[in-house]
ModelCIF file with pLDDT and N, C-alpha, C, O atoms, coordinates in Angstrom:
data_MODEL
#
_entry.id   MODEL 
#
_entity.id                         1 
_entity.type                       polymer 
_entity.pdbx_number_of_molecules   1 
#
_entity_poly.entity_id                      1 
_entity_poly.type                           'polypeptide(L)' 
_entity_poly.nstd_linkage                   no 
_entity_poly.nstd_monomer                   no 
_entity_poly.pdbx_seq_one_letter_code       
;(UNK)(UNK)(UNK)(UNK)(UNK)(UNK)(UNK)(UNK)(UNK)(UNK)(UNK)(UNK)(UNK)(UNK)(UNK)(UNK)
(UNK)(UNK)(UNK)(UNK)(UNK)(UNK)(UNK)(UNK)(UNK)(UNK)(UNK)(UNK)(UNK)(UNK)(UNK)(UNK)
(UNK)
;
_entity_poly.pdbx_seq_one_letter_code_can   XXXXXXXXXXXXXXXXXXXXXXXXXXXXXXXXX 
_entity_poly.pdbx_strand_id                 A 
#
loop_
_entity_poly_seq.entity_id 
_entity_poly_seq.num 
_entity_poly_seq.mon_id 
_entity_poly_seq.hetero 
1 1  UNK n 
1 2  UNK n 
1 3  UNK n 
1 4  UNK n 
1 5  UNK n 
1 6  UNK n 
1 7  UNK n 
1 8  UNK n 
1 9  UNK n 
1 10 UNK n 
1 11 UNK n 
1 12 UNK n 
1 13 UNK n 
1 14 UNK n 
1 15 UNK n 
1 16 UNK n 
1 17 UNK n 
1 18 UNK n 
1 19 UNK n 
1 20 UNK n 
1 21 UNK n 
1 22 UNK n 
1 23 UNK n 
1 24 UNK n 
1 25 UNK n 
1 26 UNK n 
1 27 UNK n 
1 28 UNK n 
1 29 UNK n 
1 30 UNK n 
1 31 UNK n 
1 32 UNK n 
1 33 UNK n 
#
_struct_asym.id          A 
_struct_asym.entity_id   1 
#
loop_
_ma_qa_metric.id 
_ma_qa_metric.mode 
_ma_qa_metric.name 
_ma_qa_metric.software_group_id 
_ma_qa_metric.type 
1 global pLDDT . pLDDT 
2 local  pLDDT . pLDDT 
#
_ma_qa_metric_global.metric_id      1 
_ma_qa_metric_global.metric_value   75.79 
_ma_qa_metric_global.model_id       1 
_ma_qa_metric_global.ordinal_id     1 
#
loop_
_ma_qa_metric_local.label_asym_id 
_ma_qa_metric_local.label_comp_id 
_ma_qa_metric_local.label_seq_id 
_ma_qa_metric_local.metric_id 
_ma_qa_metric_local.metric_value 
_ma_qa_metric_local.model_id 
_ma_qa_metric_local.ordinal_id 
A UNK 1  2 69.00 1 1  
A UNK 2  2 70.00 1 2  
A UNK 3  2 70.00 1 3  
A UNK 4  2 72.00 1 4  
A UNK 5  2 70.00 1 5  
A UNK 6  2 68.00 1 6  
A UNK 7  2 77.00 1 7  
A UNK 8  2 76.00 1 8  
A UNK 9  2 72.00 1 9  
A UNK 10 2 76.00 1 10 
A UNK 11 2 79.00 1 11 
A UNK 12 2 77.00 1 12 
A UNK 13 2 74.00 1 13 
A UNK 14 2 79.00 1 14 
A UNK 15 2 82.00 1 15 
A UNK 16 2 77.00 1 16 
A UNK 17 2 73.00 1 17 
A UNK 18 2 78.00 1 18 
A UNK 19 2 78.00 1 19 
A UNK 20 2 80.00 1 20 
A UNK 21 2 76.00 1 21 
A UNK 22 2 74.00 1 22 
A UNK 23 2 75.00 1 23 
A UNK 24 2 68.00 1 24 
A UNK 25 2 72.00 1 25 
A UNK 26 2 76.00 1 26 
A UNK 27 2 72.00 1 27 
A UNK 28 2 80.00 1 28 
A UNK 29 2 82.00 1 29 
A UNK 30 2 79.00 1 30 
A UNK 31 2 80.00 1 31 
A UNK 32 2 84.00 1 32 
A UNK 33 2 86.00 1 33 
#
loop_
_atom_site.group_PDB 
_atom_site.id 
_atom_site.type_symbol 
_atom_site.label_atom_id 
_atom_site.label_alt_id 
_atom_site.label_comp_id 
_atom_site.label_asym_id 
_atom_site.label_entity_id 
_atom_site.label_seq_id 
_atom_site.pdbx_PDB_ins_code 
_atom_site.Cartn_x 
_atom_site.Cartn_y 
_atom_site.Cartn_z 
_atom_site.occupancy 
_atom_site.B_iso_or_equiv 
_atom_site.pdbx_formal_charge 
_atom_site.auth_seq_id 
_atom_site.auth_comp_id 
_atom_site.auth_asym_id 
_atom_site.auth_atom_id 
_atom_site.pdbx_PDB_model_num 
ATOM 1   N N  . UNK A 1 1  ? 0.825  -1.202 0.000   1.00 69.00 ? 1  UNK A N  1 
ATOM 2   C CA . UNK A 1 1  ? 0.000  0.000  0.000   1.00 69.00 ? 1  UNK A CA 1 
ATOM 3   C C  . UNK A 1 1  ? 0.861  1.254  0.000   1.00 69.00 ? 1  UNK A C  1 
ATOM 4   O O  . UNK A 1 1  ? 0.542  2.240  -0.665  1.00 69.00 ? 1  UNK A O  1 
ATOM 5   N N  . UNK A 1 2  ? 1.991  1.206  0.779   1.00 70.00 ? 2  UNK A N  1 
ATOM 6   C CA . UNK A 1 2  ? 2.852  2.387  0.844   1.00 70.00 ? 2  UNK A CA 1 
ATOM 7   C C  . UNK A 1 2  ? 3.451  2.722  -0.517  1.00 70.00 ? 2  UNK A C  1 
ATOM 8   O O  . UNK A 1 2  ? 3.605  3.896  -0.851  1.00 70.00 ? 2  UNK A O  1 
ATOM 9   N N  . UNK A 1 3  ? 3.794  1.694  -1.312  1.00 70.00 ? 3  UNK A N  1 
ATOM 10  C CA . UNK A 1 3  ? 4.373  1.911  -2.641  1.00 70.00 ? 3  UNK A CA 1 
ATOM 11  C C  . UNK A 1 3  ? 3.335  2.547  -3.562  1.00 70.00 ? 3  UNK A C  1 
ATOM 12  O O  . UNK A 1 3  ? 3.652  3.434  -4.354  1.00 70.00 ? 3  UNK A O  1 
ATOM 13  N N  . UNK A 1 4  ? 2.100  2.086  -3.447  1.00 72.00 ? 4  UNK A N  1 
ATOM 14  C CA . UNK A 1 4  ? 1.038  2.653  -4.276  1.00 72.00 ? 4  UNK A CA 1 
ATOM 15  C C  . UNK A 1 4  ? 0.850  4.144  -3.983  1.00 72.00 ? 4  UNK A C  1 
ATOM 16  O O  . UNK A 1 4  ? 0.680  4.950  -4.898  1.00 72.00 ? 4  UNK A O  1 
ATOM 17  N N  . UNK A 1 5  ? 0.883  4.493  -2.706  1.00 70.00 ? 5  UNK A N  1 
ATOM 18  C CA . UNK A 1 5  ? 0.718  5.902  -2.334  1.00 70.00 ? 5  UNK A CA 1 
ATOM 19  C C  . UNK A 1 5  ? 1.867  6.749  -2.873  1.00 70.00 ? 5  UNK A C  1 
ATOM 20  O O  . UNK A 1 5  ? 1.645  7.866  -3.340  1.00 70.00 ? 5  UNK A O  1 
ATOM 21  N N  . UNK A 1 6  ? 3.077  6.236  -2.813  1.00 68.00 ? 6  UNK A N  1 
ATOM 22  C CA . UNK A 1 6  ? 4.224  6.994  -3.308  1.00 68.00 ? 6  UNK A CA 1 
ATOM 23  C C  . UNK A 1 6  ? 4.130  7.175  -4.817  1.00 68.00 ? 6  UNK A C  1 
ATOM 24  O O  . UNK A 1 6  ? 4.426  8.251  -5.337  1.00 68.00 ? 6  UNK A O  1 
ATOM 25  N N  . UNK A 1 7  ? 3.716  6.119  -5.521  1.00 77.00 ? 7  UNK A N  1 
ATOM 26  C CA . UNK A 1 7  ? 3.574  6.232  -6.979  1.00 77.00 ? 7  UNK A CA 1 
ATOM 27  C C  . UNK A 1 7  ? 2.499  7.256  -7.322  1.00 77.00 ? 7  UNK A C  1 
ATOM 28  O O  . UNK A 1 7  ? 2.662  8.064  -8.237  1.00 77.00 ? 7  UNK A O  1 
ATOM 29  N N  . UNK A 1 8  ? 1.407  7.212  -6.581  1.00 76.00 ? 8  UNK A N  1 
ATOM 30  C CA . UNK A 1 8  ? 0.329  8.166  -6.833  1.00 76.00 ? 8  UNK A CA 1 
ATOM 31  C C  . UNK A 1 8  ? 0.799  9.593  -6.570  1.00 76.00 ? 8  UNK A C  1 
ATOM 32  O O  . UNK A 1 8  ? 0.499  10.514 -7.330  1.00 76.00 ? 8  UNK A O  1 
ATOM 33  N N  . UNK A 1 9  ? 1.544  9.755  -5.477  1.00 72.00 ? 9  UNK A N  1 
ATOM 34  C CA . UNK A 1 9  ? 2.058  11.078 -5.152  1.00 72.00 ? 9  UNK A CA 1 
ATOM 35  C C  . UNK A 1 9  ? 3.002  11.577 -6.232  1.00 72.00 ? 9  UNK A C  1 
ATOM 36  O O  . UNK A 1 9  ? 2.987  12.757 -6.582  1.00 72.00 ? 9  UNK A O  1 
ATOM 37  N N  . UNK A 1 10 ? 3.835  10.665 -6.766  1.00 76.00 ? 10 UNK A N  1 
ATOM 38  C CA . UNK A 1 10 ? 4.778  11.045 -7.814  1.00 76.00 ? 10 UNK A CA 1 
ATOM 39  C C  . UNK A 1 10 ? 4.048  11.460 -9.086  1.00 76.00 ? 10 UNK A C  1 
ATOM 40  O O  . UNK A 1 10 ? 4.416  12.445 -9.726  1.00 76.00 ? 10 UNK A O  1 
ATOM 41  N N  . UNK A 1 11 ? 3.013  10.707 -9.451  1.00 79.00 ? 11 UNK A N  1 
ATOM 42  C CA . UNK A 1 11 ? 2.250  11.021 -10.666 1.00 79.00 ? 11 UNK A CA 1 
ATOM 43  C C  . UNK A 1 11 ? 1.571  12.378 -10.531 1.00 79.00 ? 11 UNK A C  1 
ATOM 44  O O  . UNK A 1 11 ? 1.616  13.190 -11.456 1.00 79.00 ? 11 UNK A O  1 
ATOM 45  N N  . UNK A 1 12 ? 0.944  12.627 -9.385  1.00 77.00 ? 12 UNK A N  1 
ATOM 46  C CA . UNK A 1 12 ? 0.256  13.900 -9.172  1.00 77.00 ? 12 UNK A CA 1 
ATOM 47  C C  . UNK A 1 12 ? 1.255  15.058 -9.190  1.00 77.00 ? 12 UNK A C  1 
ATOM 48  O O  . UNK A 1 12 ? 0.982  16.099 -9.788  1.00 77.00 ? 12 UNK A O  1 
ATOM 49  N N  . UNK A 1 13 ? 2.403  14.886 -8.542  1.00 74.00 ? 13 UNK A N  1 
ATOM 50  C CA . UNK A 1 13 ? 3.399  15.951 -8.472  1.00 74.00 ? 13 UNK A CA 1 
ATOM 51  C C  . UNK A 1 13 ? 3.928  16.301 -9.854  1.00 74.00 ? 13 UNK A C  1 
ATOM 52  O O  . UNK A 1 13 ? 4.054  17.476 -10.199 1.00 74.00 ? 13 UNK A O  1 
ATOM 53  N N  . UNK A 1 14 ? 4.238  15.278 -10.644 1.00 79.00 ? 14 UNK A N  1 
ATOM 54  C CA . UNK A 1 14 ? 4.767  15.522 -11.991 1.00 79.00 ? 14 UNK A CA 1 
ATOM 55  C C  . UNK A 1 14 ? 3.707  16.185 -12.872 1.00 79.00 ? 14 UNK A C  1 
ATOM 56  O O  . UNK A 1 14 ? 4.008  17.108 -13.630 1.00 79.00 ? 14 UNK A O  1 
ATOM 57  N N  . UNK A 1 15 ? 2.462  15.706 -12.765 1.00 82.00 ? 15 UNK A N  1 
ATOM 58  C CA . UNK A 1 15 ? 1.369  16.273 -13.576 1.00 82.00 ? 15 UNK A CA 1 
ATOM 59  C C  . UNK A 1 15 ? 1.163  17.750 -13.260 1.00 82.00 ? 15 UNK A C  1 
ATOM 60  O O  . UNK A 1 15 ? 1.033  18.573 -14.166 1.00 82.00 ? 15 UNK A O  1 
ATOM 61  N N  . UNK A 1 16 ? 1.134  18.085 -11.949 1.00 77.00 ? 16 UNK A N  1 
ATOM 62  C CA . UNK A 1 16 ? 0.926  19.477 -11.546 1.00 77.00 ? 16 UNK A CA 1 
ATOM 63  C C  . UNK A 1 16 ? 2.100  20.340 -11.982 1.00 77.00 ? 16 UNK A C  1 
ATOM 64  O O  . UNK A 1 16 ? 1.904  21.476 -12.414 1.00 77.00 ? 16 UNK A O  1 
ATOM 65  N N  . UNK A 1 17 ? 3.322  19.817 -11.874 1.00 73.00 ? 17 UNK A N  1 
ATOM 66  C CA . UNK A 1 17 ? 4.507  20.584 -12.270 1.00 73.00 ? 17 UNK A CA 1 
ATOM 67  C C  . UNK A 1 17 ? 4.491  20.888 -13.755 1.00 73.00 ? 17 UNK A C  1 
ATOM 68  O O  . UNK A 1 17 ? 4.871  21.985 -14.166 1.00 73.00 ? 17 UNK A O  1 
ATOM 69  N N  . UNK A 1 18 ? 4.040  19.902 -14.594 1.00 78.00 ? 18 UNK A N  1 
ATOM 70  C CA . UNK A 1 18 ? 3.967  20.127 -16.039 1.00 78.00 ? 18 UNK A CA 1 
ATOM 71  C C  . UNK A 1 18 ? 2.894  21.166 -16.362 1.00 78.00 ? 18 UNK A C  1 
ATOM 72  O O  . UNK A 1 18 ? 3.064  22.017 -17.235 1.00 78.00 ? 18 UNK A O  1 
ATOM 73  N N  . UNK A 1 19 ? 1.772  21.067 -15.623 1.00 78.00 ? 19 UNK A N  1 
ATOM 74  C CA . UNK A 1 19 ? 0.661  22.000 -15.870 1.00 78.00 ? 19 UNK A CA 1 
ATOM 75  C C  . UNK A 1 19 ? 1.048  23.431 -15.529 1.00 78.00 ? 19 UNK A C  1 
ATOM 76  O O  . UNK A 1 19 ? 0.573  24.378 -16.155 1.00 78.00 ? 19 UNK A O  1 
ATOM 77  N N  . UNK A 1 20 ? 1.888  23.577 -14.561 1.00 80.00 ? 20 UNK A N  1 
ATOM 78  C CA . UNK A 1 20 ? 2.318  24.915 -14.141 1.00 80.00 ? 20 UNK A CA 1 
ATOM 79  C C  . UNK A 1 20 ? 3.827  25.055 -14.353 1.00 80.00 ? 20 UNK A C  1 
ATOM 80  O O  . UNK A 1 20 ? 4.559  25.443 -13.442 1.00 80.00 ? 20 UNK A O  1 
ATOM 81  N N  . UNK A 1 21 ? 4.262  24.745 -15.522 1.00 76.00 ? 21 UNK A N  1 
ATOM 82  C CA . UNK A 1 21 ? 5.703  24.710 -15.826 1.00 76.00 ? 21 UNK A CA 1 
ATOM 83  C C  . UNK A 1 21 ? 6.370  26.080 -15.669 1.00 76.00 ? 21 UNK A C  1 
ATOM 84  O O  . UNK A 1 21 ? 7.586  26.161 -15.495 1.00 76.00 ? 21 UNK A O  1 
ATOM 85  N N  . UNK A 1 22 ? 5.588  27.139 -15.730 1.00 74.00 ? 22 UNK A N  1 
ATOM 86  C CA . UNK A 1 22 ? 6.183  28.474 -15.599 1.00 74.00 ? 22 UNK A CA 1 
ATOM 87  C C  . UNK A 1 22 ? 6.746  28.709 -14.202 1.00 74.00 ? 22 UNK A C  1 
ATOM 88  O O  . UNK A 1 22 ? 7.678  29.489 -14.006 1.00 74.00 ? 22 UNK A O  1 
ATOM 89  N N  . UNK A 1 23 ? 6.166  28.026 -13.261 1.00 75.00 ? 23 UNK A N  1 
ATOM 90  C CA . UNK A 1 23 ? 6.665  28.173 -11.865 1.00 75.00 ? 23 UNK A CA 1 
ATOM 91  C C  . UNK A 1 23 ? 7.098  26.793 -11.336 1.00 75.00 ? 23 UNK A C  1 
ATOM 92  O O  . UNK A 1 23 ? 6.787  26.426 -10.203 1.00 75.00 ? 23 UNK A O  1 
ATOM 93  N N  . UNK A 1 24 ? 7.810  26.049 -12.169 1.00 68.00 ? 24 UNK A N  1 
ATOM 94  C CA . UNK A 1 24 ? 8.229  24.684 -11.802 1.00 68.00 ? 24 UNK A CA 1 
ATOM 95  C C  . UNK A 1 24 ? 9.045  24.644 -10.507 1.00 68.00 ? 24 UNK A C  1 
ATOM 96  O O  . UNK A 1 24 ? 9.001  23.674 -9.750  1.00 68.00 ? 24 UNK A O  1 
ATOM 97  N N  . UNK A 1 25 ? 9.796  25.738 -10.277 1.00 72.00 ? 25 UNK A N  1 
ATOM 98  C CA . UNK A 1 25 ? 10.654 25.770 -9.084  1.00 72.00 ? 25 UNK A CA 1 
ATOM 99  C C  . UNK A 1 25 ? 9.859  25.710 -7.781  1.00 72.00 ? 25 UNK A C  1 
ATOM 100 O O  . UNK A 1 25 ? 10.391 25.300 -6.749  1.00 72.00 ? 25 UNK A O  1 
ATOM 101 N N  . UNK A 1 26 ? 8.580  26.119 -7.824  1.00 76.00 ? 26 UNK A N  1 
ATOM 102 C CA . UNK A 1 26 ? 7.753  26.085 -6.616  1.00 76.00 ? 26 UNK A CA 1 
ATOM 103 C C  . UNK A 1 26 ? 7.446  24.659 -6.171  1.00 76.00 ? 26 UNK A C  1 
ATOM 104 O O  . UNK A 1 26 ? 7.016  24.427 -5.042  1.00 76.00 ? 26 UNK A O  1 
ATOM 105 N N  . UNK A 1 27 ? 7.677  23.694 -7.091  1.00 72.00 ? 27 UNK A N  1 
ATOM 106 C CA . UNK A 1 27 ? 7.354  22.299 -6.774  1.00 72.00 ? 27 UNK A CA 1 
ATOM 107 C C  . UNK A 1 27 ? 8.576  21.492 -6.332  1.00 72.00 ? 27 UNK A C  1 
ATOM 108 O O  . UNK A 1 27 ? 8.495  20.278 -6.145  1.00 72.00 ? 27 UNK A O  1 
ATOM 109 N N  . UNK A 1 28 ? 9.712  22.182 -6.168  1.00 80.00 ? 28 UNK A N  1 
ATOM 110 C CA . UNK A 1 28 ? 10.917 21.479 -5.719  1.00 80.00 ? 28 UNK A CA 1 
ATOM 111 C C  . UNK A 1 28 ? 10.735 20.793 -4.356  1.00 80.00 ? 28 UNK A C  1 
ATOM 112 O O  . UNK A 1 28 ? 11.222 19.678 -4.171  1.00 80.00 ? 28 UNK A O  1 
ATOM 113 N N  . UNK A 1 29 ? 10.044 21.433 -3.400  1.00 82.00 ? 29 UNK A N  1 
ATOM 114 C CA . UNK A 1 29 ? 9.827  20.732 -2.122  1.00 82.00 ? 29 UNK A CA 1 
ATOM 115 C C  . UNK A 1 29 ? 9.084  19.408 -2.288  1.00 82.00 ? 29 UNK A C  1 
ATOM 116 O O  . UNK A 1 29 ? 9.349  18.443 -1.570  1.00 82.00 ? 29 UNK A O  1 
ATOM 117 N N  . UNK A 1 30 ? 8.136  19.371 -3.258  1.00 79.00 ? 30 UNK A N  1 
ATOM 118 C CA . UNK A 1 30 ? 7.409  18.129 -3.483  1.00 79.00 ? 30 UNK A CA 1 
ATOM 119 C C  . UNK A 1 30 ? 8.335  17.034 -3.992  1.00 79.00 ? 30 UNK A C  1 
ATOM 120 O O  . UNK A 1 30 ? 8.208  15.873 -3.605  1.00 79.00 ? 30 UNK A O  1 
ATOM 121 N N  . UNK A 1 31 ? 9.266  17.409 -4.861  1.00 80.00 ? 31 UNK A N  1 
ATOM 122 C CA . UNK A 1 31 ? 10.209 16.419 -5.386  1.00 80.00 ? 31 UNK A CA 1 
ATOM 123 C C  . UNK A 1 31 ? 11.185 15.958 -4.303  1.00 80.00 ? 31 UNK A C  1 
ATOM 124 O O  . UNK A 1 31 ? 11.603 14.800 -4.288  1.00 80.00 ? 31 UNK A O  1 
ATOM 125 N N  . UNK A 1 32 ? 11.542 16.869 -3.400  1.00 84.00 ? 32 UNK A N  1 
ATOM 126 C CA . UNK A 1 32 ? 12.405 16.486 -2.277  1.00 84.00 ? 32 UNK A CA 1 
ATOM 127 C C  . UNK A 1 32 ? 11.687 15.468 -1.389  1.00 84.00 ? 32 UNK A C  1 
ATOM 128 O O  . UNK A 1 32 ? 12.278 14.473 -0.969  1.00 84.00 ? 32 UNK A O  1 
ATOM 129 N N  . UNK A 1 33 ? 10.400 15.728 -1.106  1.00 86.00 ? 33 UNK A N  1 
ATOM 130 C CA . UNK A 1 33 ? 9.602  14.795 -0.303  1.00 86.00 ? 33 UNK A CA 1 
ATOM 131 C C  . UNK A 1 33 ? 9.503  13.449 -1.007  1.00 86.00 ? 33 UNK A C  1 
ATOM 132 O O  . UNK A 1 33 ? 8.870  12.528 -0.490  1.00 86.00 ? 33 UNK A O  1 
#
């Protein structure tokens, strides 16, 4: 279950970062997490 949550979190983070690529740097904390 923990792996599924991490994969889901990764997919959501990447999707949001692409959608708001102009401010991609704001999502660095998410990638660190």
